[in-house]
Amino acid sequence: MKQITPYALGATLYMPALREDILDIVFRHKLSQLRSLVVCLEDAVAEVDVPRALEKLHWLLTNIEQRGGRLTKGPLLFVRPRDAAMAAVLNDWPLIKHIDGFVLPKIRLSNLSAWSAAVTNPNLLLMPTLETADVFNPNAMVELGSALKSTLDKRIIALRIGGNDLLGCLGLRRNPQTTLYDTPMGYAIPMLVSIMGTQGFALTAPVFEQLASSPLLKAELELDIAHGLVGKTAIHPSQINTIQHSLRVSLDDLNSANLLLSDSAPAVFQYNGAMCEPATHLKWAMNILQRAKLYGVKATLKSNQESHVRLAGANT
C-alpha cells in the first residue's frame, strides 16, 4: 500500500464527474499547481445523471490507461462514490488502479460496516468525511474514531470535515463576513481535532464558500493551521494558491523544528524567546519539516532572515 503524507493534499478541489476537463487536470495541462483532486459522484451529481457520470469516470480511467498511467508528479486523484453500494462496484473495477483512493461521504458508526465491506481493495487510500449530525456529539466521535482505527485505520490518509453539511444539520449557513470559527463549527472543529487527532488521524478543513473575500479566506486559513488541520477543500481554482501558500512555514518555525530534531538537542532549551522541549514538540517539528518540504518557506525581510539564520545555529 502506498504511503502518502496528509500534508500532500494541499488544496483539494472537488469536481463533478461530468466535467469535460478532468483528464487535462490529471495530466497537468490545466491547474498545474493543484495537489489533489476529487472526482465527485455524490452531491455534485443529480440522481438522474449518475449513469452518465459513471460512464465519464470509466472514460477518464480508460484514457489514463491508454496514456500509460498517471504522471509521477501529477495531482493525487480520489473518487467520491455516492454510497457504499456504488463504492463496492467501483472497488472491483480493474481500472480503479489509476486512482489513489475514495472519499467516503457521511461516514458514521451506523454505516461503517457497510463501507468497510465495500472498500476492500487494499491499494485504495480512504478519506472518510465527517458531515452528519452525530459529529456534534463527542461520545459518538470517540466511538467512531475507535471503530475507524479497528477497521480502516492504516488506509486512512485523513478525515475530512464537511462544514457546510454540518451547518446544514443546524439549519445554518456561514455569515459571509466571518470565518467558520465564528459559527458552531468553532466548537466542532477543536473537538474533532482533540478526539480524532489524539487517535492519530489527520483532519482537513472545510470549504470557504465566499469567492470574493481573499482576506477572510486567509484569516480562516490561519485558524485552520492553528488547529492542526492539514489541508483545505477548495471550491474554485482561484482558491488553490491561497490555500497552499498558507501551508508554507516561517523560517523561525523551520529553524526551531531543525533544532528540536537535532541529535544534540538538550532536553529543554530556549530559541528566539520560546521554550523548546523535544519530548513534547517532536511531532510538531516533524509536521513543520513535512510542510516545508512540500510548500517551502514564507518570504521574510532580509534583516529578519539574517537574524533567524544566525540564531538557528545556537541553543540560546
C-alpha atoms as a PDB file:
ATOM      1  CA  MET A   1       0.000   0.000   0.000  1.00  0.00           C
ATOM      2  CA  LYS A   2       1.319   3.449  -0.945  1.00  0.00           C
ATOM      3  CA  GLN A   3       2.332   5.859   1.801  1.00  0.00           C
ATOM      4  CA  ILE A   4       1.249   9.492   1.364  1.00  0.00           C
ATOM      5  CA  THR A   5       1.635  12.215   3.960  1.00  0.00           C
ATOM      6  CA  PRO A   6      -1.690  14.008   4.542  1.00  0.00           C
ATOM      7  CA  TYR A   7       0.115  17.326   4.014  1.00  0.00           C
ATOM      8  CA  ALA A   8       0.491  16.339   0.353  1.00  0.00           C
ATOM      9  CA  LEU A   9      -3.240  17.003  -0.116  1.00  0.00           C
ATOM     10  CA  GLY A  10      -2.881  20.783  -0.007  1.00  0.00           C
ATOM     11  CA  ALA A  11      -5.904  22.400  -1.628  1.00  0.00           C
ATOM     12  CA  THR A  12      -8.299  19.594  -2.572  1.00  0.00           C
ATOM     13  CA  LEU A  13     -10.537  20.557  -5.499  1.00  0.00           C
ATOM     14  CA  TYR A  14     -13.859  18.737  -5.885  1.00  0.00           C
ATOM     15  CA  MET A  15     -15.127  18.368  -9.438  1.00  0.00           C
ATOM     16  CA  PRO A  16     -18.338  16.700 -10.688  1.00  0.00           C
ATOM     17  CA  ALA A  17     -17.562  13.531 -12.631  1.00  0.00           C
ATOM     18  CA  LEU A  18     -19.405  15.055 -15.595  1.00  0.00           C
ATOM     19  CA  ARG A  19     -16.762  17.757 -16.131  1.00  0.00           C
ATOM     20  CA  GLU A  20     -15.036  17.543 -19.501  1.00  0.00           C
ATOM     21  CA  ASP A  21     -11.616  18.819 -18.404  1.00  0.00           C
ATOM     22  CA  ILE A  22     -10.700  16.371 -15.627  1.00  0.00           C
ATOM     23  CA  LEU A  23      -8.260  14.477 -17.845  1.00  0.00           C
ATOM     24  CA  ASP A  24      -6.425  17.726 -18.614  1.00  0.00           C
ATOM     25  CA  ILE A  25      -6.089  18.411 -14.889  1.00  0.00           C
ATOM     26  CA  VAL A  26      -4.879  14.893 -14.141  1.00  0.00           C
ATOM     27  CA  PHE A  27      -2.078  15.352 -16.699  1.00  0.00           C
ATOM     28  CA  ARG A  28      -1.344  18.922 -15.588  1.00  0.00           C
ATOM     29  CA  HIS A  29      -2.407  20.604 -18.814  1.00  0.00           C
ATOM     30  CA  LYS A  30      -4.614  22.714 -16.557  1.00  0.00           C
ATOM     31  CA  LEU A  31      -4.245  23.815 -12.913  1.00  0.00           C
ATOM     32  CA  SER A  32      -0.629  22.677 -12.747  1.00  0.00           C
ATOM     33  CA  GLN A  33      -0.362  23.872  -9.141  1.00  0.00           C
ATOM     34  CA  LEU A  34      -3.159  21.599  -7.864  1.00  0.00           C
ATOM     35  CA  ARG A  35      -2.068  18.958  -5.327  1.00  0.00           C
ATOM     36  CA  SER A  36      -5.228  16.823  -5.041  1.00  0.00           C
ATOM     37  CA  LEU A  37      -8.464  16.313  -6.933  1.00  0.00           C
ATOM     38  CA  VAL A  38     -11.719  14.550  -6.042  1.00  0.00           C
ATOM     39  CA  VAL A  39     -13.995  13.337  -8.826  1.00  0.00           C
ATOM     40  CA  CYS A  40     -17.415  13.572  -7.225  1.00  0.00           C
ATOM     41  CA  LEU A  41     -20.282  11.170  -7.890  1.00  0.00           C
ATOM     42  CA  GLU A  42     -22.272  12.258  -4.839  1.00  0.00           C
ATOM     43  CA  ASP A  43     -23.689  15.713  -4.048  1.00  0.00           C
ATOM     44  CA  ALA A  44     -22.280  17.306  -7.202  1.00  0.00           C
ATOM     45  CA  VAL A  45     -24.205  14.912  -9.476  1.00  0.00           C
ATOM     46  CA  ALA A  46     -28.008  14.788  -9.755  1.00  0.00           C
ATOM     47  CA  GLU A  47     -29.615  11.373  -9.353  1.00  0.00           C
ATOM     48  CA  VAL A  48     -30.759  11.359 -12.975  1.00  0.00           C
ATOM     49  CA  ASP A  49     -27.169  11.954 -14.170  1.00  0.00           C
ATOM     50  CA  VAL A  50     -25.499   9.161 -12.172  1.00  0.00           C
ATOM     51  CA  PRO A  51     -25.294   6.621 -15.070  1.00  0.00           C
ATOM     52  CA  ARG A  52     -23.685   9.235 -17.318  1.00  0.00           C
ATOM     53  CA  ALA A  53     -21.311  10.278 -14.540  1.00  0.00           C
ATOM     54  CA  LEU A  54     -20.163   6.682 -14.101  1.00  0.00           C
ATOM     55  CA  GLU A  55     -19.582   6.462 -17.856  1.00  0.00           C
ATOM     56  CA  LYS A  56     -17.456   9.620 -17.684  1.00  0.00           C
ATOM     57  CA  LEU A  57     -15.411   8.178 -14.830  1.00  0.00           C
ATOM     58  CA  HIS A  58     -14.813   4.991 -16.824  1.00  0.00           C
ATOM     59  CA  TRP A  59     -13.810   7.106 -19.835  1.00  0.00           C
ATOM     60  CA  LEU A  60     -11.369   9.039 -17.645  1.00  0.00           C
ATOM     61  CA  LEU A  61      -9.742   5.873 -16.295  1.00  0.00           C
ATOM     62  CA  THR A  62      -9.596   4.316 -19.762  1.00  0.00           C
ATOM     63  CA  ASN A  63      -7.773   7.359 -21.121  1.00  0.00           C
ATOM     64  CA  ILE A  64      -5.329   7.277 -18.229  1.00  0.00           C
ATOM     65  CA  GLU A  65      -4.665   3.618 -19.017  1.00  0.00           C
ATOM     66  CA  GLN A  66      -4.125   4.384 -22.706  1.00  0.00           C
ATOM     67  CA  ARG A  67      -1.557   7.039 -21.781  1.00  0.00           C
ATOM     68  CA  GLY A  68       0.417   4.585 -19.706  1.00  0.00           C
ATOM     69  CA  GLY A  69      -0.868   5.687 -16.328  1.00  0.00           C
ATOM     70  CA  ARG A  70      -0.810   8.939 -14.386  1.00  0.00           C
ATOM     71  CA  LEU A  71       2.127  11.302 -14.060  1.00  0.00           C
ATOM     72  CA  THR A  72       4.541  10.600 -11.229  1.00  0.00           C
ATOM     73  CA  LYS A  73       4.217  14.215 -10.085  1.00  0.00           C
ATOM     74  CA  GLY A  74       0.590  14.741 -11.021  1.00  0.00           C
ATOM     75  CA  PRO A  75      -2.144  15.603  -8.519  1.00  0.00           C
ATOM     76  CA  LEU A  76      -3.425  12.959  -6.137  1.00  0.00           C
ATOM     77  CA  LEU A  77      -6.662  11.572  -7.570  1.00  0.00           C
ATOM     78  CA  PHE A  78      -9.628  10.445  -5.477  1.00  0.00           C
ATOM     79  CA  VAL A  79     -13.198   9.434  -6.285  1.00  0.00           C
ATOM     80  CA  ARG A  80     -16.180  10.172  -4.046  1.00  0.00           C
ATOM     81  CA  PRO A  81     -18.777   7.395  -4.549  1.00  0.00           C
ATOM     82  CA  ARG A  82     -22.414   8.184  -3.933  1.00  0.00           C
ATOM     83  CA  ASP A  83     -22.819   5.459  -1.314  1.00  0.00           C
ATOM     84  CA  ALA A  84     -21.336   2.167  -0.135  1.00  0.00           C
ATOM     85  CA  ALA A  85     -23.161   0.204  -2.844  1.00  0.00           C
ATOM     86  CA  MET A  86     -21.537   2.303  -5.574  1.00  0.00           C
ATOM     87  CA  ALA A  87     -18.182   2.052  -3.820  1.00  0.00           C
ATOM     88  CA  ALA A  88     -18.421  -1.739  -3.870  1.00  0.00           C
ATOM     89  CA  VAL A  89     -18.857  -1.670  -7.650  1.00  0.00           C
ATOM     90  CA  LEU A  90     -16.007   0.796  -8.218  1.00  0.00           C
ATOM     91  CA  ASN A  91     -13.789  -1.129  -5.800  1.00  0.00           C
ATOM     92  CA  ASP A  92     -13.731  -4.039  -8.282  1.00  0.00           C
ATOM     93  CA  TRP A  93     -13.154  -2.072 -11.478  1.00  0.00           C
ATOM     94  CA  PRO A  94      -9.762  -3.157 -12.898  1.00  0.00           C
ATOM     95  CA  LEU A  95      -9.033   0.421 -13.964  1.00  0.00           C
ATOM     96  CA  ILE A  96      -9.624   1.760 -10.454  1.00  0.00           C
ATOM     97  CA  LYS A  97      -5.887   1.118 -10.014  1.00  0.00           C
ATOM     98  CA  HIS A  98      -5.384   4.555 -11.561  1.00  0.00           C
ATOM     99  CA  ILE A  99      -6.816   6.427  -8.577  1.00  0.00           C
ATOM    100  CA  ASP A 100      -5.295   6.913  -5.150  1.00  0.00           C
ATOM    101  CA  GLY A 101      -8.437   6.259  -3.167  1.00  0.00           C
ATOM    102  CA  PHE A 102     -12.011   7.036  -2.189  1.00  0.00           C
ATOM    103  CA  VAL A 103     -13.616   9.860  -0.253  1.00  0.00           C
ATOM    104  CA  LEU A 104     -16.334   8.249   1.875  1.00  0.00           C
ATOM    105  CA  PRO A 105     -19.283  10.633   2.340  1.00  0.00           C
ATOM    106  CA  LYS A 106     -21.364  10.921   5.509  1.00  0.00           C
ATOM    107  CA  ILE A 107     -19.430   8.325   7.473  1.00  0.00           C
ATOM    108  CA  ARG A 108     -20.874   7.381  10.860  1.00  0.00           C
ATOM    109  CA  LEU A 109     -20.877   4.419  13.183  1.00  0.00           C
ATOM    110  CA  SER A 110     -24.134   3.010  11.794  1.00  0.00           C
ATOM    111  CA  ASN A 111     -22.837   2.738   8.210  1.00  0.00           C
ATOM    112  CA  LEU A 112     -19.161   1.995   8.864  1.00  0.00           C
ATOM    113  CA  SER A 113     -19.581  -1.757   8.442  1.00  0.00           C
ATOM    114  CA  ALA A 114     -21.201  -1.238   5.027  1.00  0.00           C
ATOM    115  CA  TRP A 115     -18.348   0.987   3.900  1.00  0.00           C
ATOM    116  CA  SER A 116     -15.745  -1.422   5.263  1.00  0.00           C
ATOM    117  CA  ALA A 117     -17.317  -4.273   3.316  1.00  0.00           C
ATOM    118  CA  ALA A 118     -17.445  -2.153   0.153  1.00  0.00           C
ATOM    119  CA  VAL A 119     -13.867  -0.805   0.042  1.00  0.00           C
ATOM    120  CA  THR A 120     -11.817  -3.993   0.293  1.00  0.00           C
ATOM    121  CA  ASN A 121      -9.162  -3.088  -2.302  1.00  0.00           C
ATOM    122  CA  PRO A 122      -6.053  -2.668  -0.110  1.00  0.00           C
ATOM    123  CA  ASN A 123      -4.436  -0.294  -2.605  1.00  0.00           C
ATOM    124  CA  LEU A 124      -7.146   2.348  -2.181  1.00  0.00           C
ATOM    125  CA  LEU A 125      -6.493   5.020   0.424  1.00  0.00           C
ATOM    126  CA  LEU A 126      -9.534   6.428   2.193  1.00  0.00           C
ATOM    127  CA  MET A 127     -10.758   9.830   3.334  1.00  0.00           C
ATOM    128  CA  PRO A 128     -13.934   9.430   5.420  1.00  0.00           C
ATOM    129  CA  THR A 129     -15.979  12.626   5.670  1.00  0.00           C
ATOM    130  CA  LEU A 130     -17.463  13.778   8.978  1.00  0.00           C
ATOM    131  CA  GLU A 131     -20.644  15.616   7.987  1.00  0.00           C
ATOM    132  CA  THR A 132     -23.655  14.175   9.855  1.00  0.00           C
ATOM    133  CA  ALA A 133     -25.470  15.449  12.946  1.00  0.00           C
ATOM    134  CA  ASP A 134     -23.756  12.993  15.309  1.00  0.00           C
ATOM    135  CA  VAL A 135     -20.457  14.791  14.648  1.00  0.00           C
ATOM    136  CA  PHE A 136     -21.574  17.312  17.294  1.00  0.00           C
ATOM    137  CA  ASN A 137     -21.683  14.512  19.891  1.00  0.00           C
ATOM    138  CA  PRO A 138     -18.209  13.948  21.421  1.00  0.00           C
ATOM    139  CA  ASN A 139     -19.150  10.483  22.684  1.00  0.00           C
ATOM    140  CA  ALA A 140     -20.222   9.442  19.200  1.00  0.00           C
ATOM    141  CA  MET A 141     -16.917  10.722  17.796  1.00  0.00           C
ATOM    142  CA  VAL A 142     -14.916   8.766  20.371  1.00  0.00           C
ATOM    143  CA  GLU A 143     -16.777   5.611  19.337  1.00  0.00           C
ATOM    144  CA  LEU A 144     -16.392   6.356  15.628  1.00  0.00           C
ATOM    145  CA  GLY A 145     -12.679   7.068  15.988  1.00  0.00           C
ATOM    146  CA  SER A 146     -12.143   3.779  17.799  1.00  0.00           C
ATOM    147  CA  ALA A 147     -14.152   1.902  15.171  1.00  0.00           C
ATOM    148  CA  LEU A 148     -12.202   3.524  12.318  1.00  0.00           C
ATOM    149  CA  LYS A 149      -8.919   2.534  13.941  1.00  0.00           C
ATOM    150  CA  SER A 150     -10.015  -1.068  14.315  1.00  0.00           C
ATOM    151  CA  THR A 151     -11.254  -1.369  10.718  1.00  0.00           C
ATOM    152  CA  LEU A 152      -9.766   1.064   8.199  1.00  0.00           C
ATOM    153  CA  ASP A 153      -7.003   2.761  10.188  1.00  0.00           C
ATOM    154  CA  LYS A 154      -3.913   2.032   8.066  1.00  0.00           C
ATOM    155  CA  ARG A 155      -5.641   3.119   4.855  1.00  0.00           C
ATOM    156  CA  ILE A 156      -6.993   6.456   6.102  1.00  0.00           C
ATOM    157  CA  ILE A 157      -4.899   9.357   4.844  1.00  0.00           C
ATOM    158  CA  ALA A 158      -7.107  11.969   6.555  1.00  0.00           C
ATOM    159  CA  LEU A 159     -10.597  12.645   7.846  1.00  0.00           C
ATOM    160  CA  ARG A 160     -12.434  15.412   6.022  1.00  0.00           C
ATOM    161  CA  ILE A 161     -14.683  17.854   7.903  1.00  0.00           C
ATOM    162  CA  GLY A 162     -17.842  18.703   5.950  1.00  0.00           C
ATOM    163  CA  GLY A 163     -18.538  22.196   7.247  1.00  0.00           C
ATOM    164  CA  ASN A 164     -21.493  23.120   5.059  1.00  0.00           C
ATOM    165  CA  ASP A 165     -23.279  19.838   5.715  1.00  0.00           C
ATOM    166  CA  LEU A 166     -22.699  20.197   9.445  1.00  0.00           C
ATOM    167  CA  LEU A 167     -24.086  23.735   9.476  1.00  0.00           C
ATOM    168  CA  GLY A 168     -26.984  22.440   7.380  1.00  0.00           C
ATOM    169  CA  CYS A 169     -27.783  19.975  10.175  1.00  0.00           C
ATOM    170  CA  LEU A 170     -28.426  23.052  12.337  1.00  0.00           C
ATOM    171  CA  GLY A 171     -30.345  24.964   9.663  1.00  0.00           C
ATOM    172  CA  LEU A 172     -27.484  27.455   9.376  1.00  0.00           C
ATOM    173  CA  ARG A 173     -25.300  28.928   6.679  1.00  0.00           C
ATOM    174  CA  ARG A 174     -21.997  30.717   7.180  1.00  0.00           C
ATOM    175  CA  ASN A 175     -22.114  34.504   7.595  1.00  0.00           C
ATOM    176  CA  PRO A 176     -20.117  35.819   4.602  1.00  0.00           C
ATOM    177  CA  GLN A 177     -18.452  38.402   6.866  1.00  0.00           C
ATOM    178  CA  THR A 178     -16.952  35.949   9.362  1.00  0.00           C
ATOM    179  CA  THR A 179     -14.815  32.840   9.432  1.00  0.00           C
ATOM    180  CA  LEU A 180     -16.213  29.378  10.009  1.00  0.00           C
ATOM    181  CA  TYR A 181     -14.840  29.560  13.541  1.00  0.00           C
ATOM    182  CA  ASP A 182     -17.464  32.199  14.407  1.00  0.00           C
ATOM    183  CA  THR A 183     -20.197  29.596  13.886  1.00  0.00           C
ATOM    184  CA  PRO A 184     -20.943  26.365  15.801  1.00  0.00           C
ATOM    185  CA  MET A 185     -18.031  24.929  13.826  1.00  0.00           C
ATOM    186  CA  GLY A 186     -15.890  26.898  16.263  1.00  0.00           C
ATOM    187  CA  TYR A 187     -16.927  24.205  18.750  1.00  0.00           C
ATOM    188  CA  ALA A 188     -16.950  21.232  16.380  1.00  0.00           C
ATOM    189  CA  ILE A 189     -13.515  21.681  14.786  1.00  0.00           C
ATOM    190  CA  PRO A 190     -11.482  21.885  18.041  1.00  0.00           C
ATOM    191  CA  MET A 191     -13.498  18.983  19.433  1.00  0.00           C
ATOM    192  CA  LEU A 192     -12.830  16.827  16.359  1.00  0.00           C
ATOM    193  CA  VAL A 193      -9.137  17.727  16.358  1.00  0.00           C
ATOM    194  CA  SER A 194      -8.910  16.790  20.036  1.00  0.00           C
ATOM    195  CA  ILE A 195     -10.767  13.488  19.745  1.00  0.00           C
ATOM    196  CA  MET A 196      -9.651  12.268  16.334  1.00  0.00           C
ATOM    197  CA  GLY A 197      -6.197  13.827  16.481  1.00  0.00           C
ATOM    198  CA  THR A 198      -5.312  12.041  19.702  1.00  0.00           C
ATOM    199  CA  GLN A 199      -6.267   8.774  17.988  1.00  0.00           C
ATOM    200  CA  GLY A 200      -3.717   9.511  15.269  1.00  0.00           C
ATOM    201  CA  PHE A 201      -5.951  10.853  12.483  1.00  0.00           C
ATOM    202  CA  ALA A 202      -5.119  13.920  10.402  1.00  0.00           C
ATOM    203  CA  LEU A 203      -8.051  16.207   9.556  1.00  0.00           C
ATOM    204  CA  THR A 204      -8.670  18.577   6.651  1.00  0.00           C
ATOM    205  CA  ALA A 205     -10.515  21.893   6.807  1.00  0.00           C
ATOM    206  CA  PRO A 206     -13.964  22.610   5.341  1.00  0.00           C
ATOM    207  CA  VAL A 207     -14.612  24.734   2.276  1.00  0.00           C
ATOM    208  CA  PHE A 208     -14.592  28.511   2.274  1.00  0.00           C
ATOM    209  CA  GLU A 209     -17.596  29.306   0.111  1.00  0.00           C
ATOM    210  CA  GLN A 210     -17.046  33.040  -0.471  1.00  0.00           C
ATOM    211  CA  LEU A 211     -15.139  33.554  -3.727  1.00  0.00           C
ATOM    212  CA  ALA A 212     -14.710  37.328  -3.401  1.00  0.00           C
ATOM    213  CA  SER A 213     -13.108  37.593   0.036  1.00  0.00           C
ATOM    214  CA  SER A 214      -9.446  36.600  -0.062  1.00  0.00           C
ATOM    215  CA  PRO A 215      -8.553  38.412   3.217  1.00  0.00           C
ATOM    216  CA  LEU A 216     -11.224  36.462   5.086  1.00  0.00           C
ATOM    217  CA  LEU A 217     -10.045  33.210   3.500  1.00  0.00           C
ATOM    218  CA  LYS A 218      -6.508  33.962   4.667  1.00  0.00           C
ATOM    219  CA  ALA A 219      -7.779  34.664   8.188  1.00  0.00           C
ATOM    220  CA  GLU A 220      -9.663  31.373   8.217  1.00  0.00           C
ATOM    221  CA  LEU A 221      -6.605  29.505   6.922  1.00  0.00           C
ATOM    222  CA  GLU A 222      -4.543  30.865   9.813  1.00  0.00           C
ATOM    223  CA  LEU A 223      -7.119  29.404  12.195  1.00  0.00           C
ATOM    224  CA  ASP A 224      -7.166  26.115  10.276  1.00  0.00           C
ATOM    225  CA  ILE A 225      -3.419  25.760  10.682  1.00  0.00           C
ATOM    226  CA  ALA A 226      -3.526  26.858  14.324  1.00  0.00           C
ATOM    227  CA  HIS A 227      -5.931  23.944  14.911  1.00  0.00           C
ATOM    228  CA  GLY A 228      -3.591  21.485  13.199  1.00  0.00           C
ATOM    229  CA  LEU A 229      -5.646  20.919  10.043  1.00  0.00           C
ATOM    230  CA  VAL A 230      -3.510  19.620   7.186  1.00  0.00           C
ATOM    231  CA  GLY A 231      -5.244  20.989   4.076  1.00  0.00           C
ATOM    232  CA  LYS A 232      -8.487  22.548   2.901  1.00  0.00           C
ATOM    233  CA  THR A 233     -11.215  21.777   0.403  1.00  0.00           C
ATOM    234  CA  ALA A 234     -11.288  24.265  -2.485  1.00  0.00           C
ATOM    235  CA  ILE A 235     -14.472  25.102  -4.342  1.00  0.00           C
ATOM    236  CA  HIS A 236     -12.810  27.148  -7.093  1.00  0.00           C
ATOM    237  CA  PRO A 237      -9.375  27.153  -8.747  1.00  0.00           C
ATOM    238  CA  SER A 238      -8.867  30.759  -7.589  1.00  0.00           C
ATOM    239  CA  GLN A 239      -8.502  29.441  -4.020  1.00  0.00           C
ATOM    240  CA  ILE A 240      -5.757  26.918  -4.727  1.00  0.00           C
ATOM    241  CA  ASN A 241      -2.698  29.161  -4.430  1.00  0.00           C
ATOM    242  CA  THR A 242      -4.027  30.973  -1.357  1.00  0.00           C
ATOM    243  CA  ILE A 243      -4.628  27.670   0.445  1.00  0.00           C
ATOM    244  CA  GLN A 244      -1.275  26.176  -0.498  1.00  0.00           C
ATOM    245  CA  HIS A 245       0.697  29.341   0.257  1.00  0.00           C
ATOM    246  CA  SER A 246      -0.786  29.273   3.763  1.00  0.00           C
ATOM    247  CA  LEU A 247       0.901  25.902   4.305  1.00  0.00           C
ATOM    248  CA  ARG A 248       4.350  27.445   3.904  1.00  0.00           C
ATOM    249  CA  VAL A 249       6.258  27.621   7.160  1.00  0.00           C
ATOM    250  CA  SER A 250       8.038  30.563   8.711  1.00  0.00           C
ATOM    251  CA  LEU A 251      11.821  30.480   8.780  1.00  0.00           C
ATOM    252  CA  ASP A 252      11.616  30.795  12.557  1.00  0.00           C
ATOM    253  CA  ASP A 253       9.462  27.648  12.807  1.00  0.00           C
ATOM    254  CA  LEU A 254      11.719  25.772  10.400  1.00  0.00           C
ATOM    255  CA  ASN A 255      14.826  26.639  12.391  1.00  0.00           C
ATOM    256  CA  SER A 256      13.075  25.717  15.636  1.00  0.00           C
ATOM    257  CA  ALA A 257      11.982  22.369  14.180  1.00  0.00           C
ATOM    258  CA  ASN A 258      15.508  21.564  12.994  1.00  0.00           C
ATOM    259  CA  LEU A 259      16.924  22.353  16.436  1.00  0.00           C
ATOM    260  CA  LEU A 260      14.289  20.199  18.128  1.00  0.00           C
ATOM    261  CA  LEU A 261      15.102  17.255  15.874  1.00  0.00           C
ATOM    262  CA  SER A 262      18.852  17.595  16.217  1.00  0.00           C
ATOM    263  CA  ASP A 263      20.640  14.635  17.815  1.00  0.00           C
ATOM    264  CA  SER A 264      22.468  17.109  20.053  1.00  0.00           C
ATOM    265  CA  ALA A 265      19.330  18.936  21.247  1.00  0.00           C
ATOM    266  CA  PRO A 266      19.195  19.280  25.048  1.00  0.00           C
ATOM    267  CA  ALA A 267      16.095  18.165  26.956  1.00  0.00           C
ATOM    268  CA  VAL A 268      14.916  21.777  27.256  1.00  0.00           C
ATOM    269  CA  PHE A 269      16.315  24.876  25.585  1.00  0.00           C
ATOM    270  CA  GLN A 270      15.342  28.370  24.502  1.00  0.00           C
ATOM    271  CA  TYR A 271      15.113  29.551  20.919  1.00  0.00           C
ATOM    272  CA  ASN A 272      14.064  33.083  19.970  1.00  0.00           C
ATOM    273  CA  GLY A 273      12.454  33.676  23.341  1.00  0.00           C
ATOM    274  CA  ALA A 274      10.424  30.453  23.457  1.00  0.00           C
ATOM    275  CA  MET A 275      10.949  27.235  25.380  1.00  0.00           C
ATOM    276  CA  CYS A 276      11.695  24.208  23.203  1.00  0.00           C
ATOM    277  CA  GLU A 277      11.287  20.684  24.539  1.00  0.00           C
ATOM    278  CA  PRO A 278      11.920  17.775  22.139  1.00  0.00           C
ATOM    279  CA  ALA A 279       9.874  15.357  24.272  1.00  0.00           C
ATOM    280  CA  THR A 280       6.690  17.391  23.735  1.00  0.00           C
ATOM    281  CA  HIS A 281       7.408  19.272  20.482  1.00  0.00           C
ATOM    282  CA  LEU A 282       8.696  16.333  18.416  1.00  0.00           C
ATOM    283  CA  LYS A 283       5.511  15.728  16.427  1.00  0.00           C
ATOM    284  CA  TRP A 284       5.086  19.456  15.764  1.00  0.00           C
ATOM    285  CA  ALA A 285       8.654  19.657  14.482  1.00  0.00           C
ATOM    286  CA  MET A 286       8.153  16.702  12.141  1.00  0.00           C
ATOM    287  CA  ASN A 287       4.986  18.297  10.754  1.00  0.00           C
ATOM    288  CA  ILE A 288       6.830  21.568  10.150  1.00  0.00           C
ATOM    289  CA  LEU A 289       9.517  19.774   8.159  1.00  0.00           C
ATOM    290  CA  GLN A 290       6.897  17.978   6.051  1.00  0.00           C
ATOM    291  CA  ARG A 291       5.180  21.268   5.252  1.00  0.00           C
ATOM    292  CA  ALA A 292       8.479  22.959   4.438  1.00  0.00           C
ATOM    293  CA  LYS A 293       9.472  20.143   2.086  1.00  0.00           C
ATOM    294  CA  LEU A 294       6.167  20.313   0.218  1.00  0.00           C
ATOM    295  CA  TYR A 295       5.362  24.032   0.260  1.00  0.00           C
ATOM    296  CA  GLY A 296       8.540  25.898   1.135  1.00  0.00           C
ATOM    297  CA  VAL A 297       9.266  28.779   3.483  1.00  0.00           C
ATOM    298  CA  LYS A 298       7.423  32.084   3.739  1.00  0.00           C
ATOM    299  CA  ALA A 299       9.256  35.104   2.425  1.00  0.00           C
ATOM    300  CA  THR A 300      10.793  37.280   5.134  1.00  0.00           C
ATOM    301  CA  LEU A 301      12.559  40.611   5.269  1.00  0.00           C
ATOM    302  CA  LYS A 302      16.285  40.240   4.673  1.00  0.00           C
ATOM    303  CA  SER A 303      17.224  41.734   8.030  1.00  0.00           C
ATOM    304  CA  ASN A 304      14.963  39.319   9.899  1.00  0.00           C
ATOM    305  CA  GLN A 305      16.140  36.420   7.775  1.00  0.00           C
ATOM    306  CA  GLU A 306      19.767  37.068   8.632  1.00  0.00           C
ATOM    307  CA  SER A 307      18.900  37.164  12.319  1.00  0.00           C
ATOM    308  CA  HIS A 308      16.954  33.901  12.124  1.00  0.00           C
ATOM    309  CA  VAL A 309      19.695  32.100  10.234  1.00  0.00           C
ATOM    310  CA  ARG A 310      22.287  33.206  12.779  1.00  0.00           C
ATOM    311  CA  LEU A 311      20.179  32.169  15.750  1.00  0.00           C
ATOM    312  CA  ALA A 312      19.269  28.787  14.266  1.00  0.00           C
ATOM    313  CA  GLY A 313      22.760  27.518  14.845  1.00  0.00           C
ATOM    314  CA  ALA A 314      22.779  28.320  18.559  1.00  0.00           C
ATOM    315  CA  ASN A 315      20.836  26.927  21.508  1.00  0.00           C
ATOM    316  CA  THR A 316      20.188  30.301  23.160  1.00  0.00           C
END
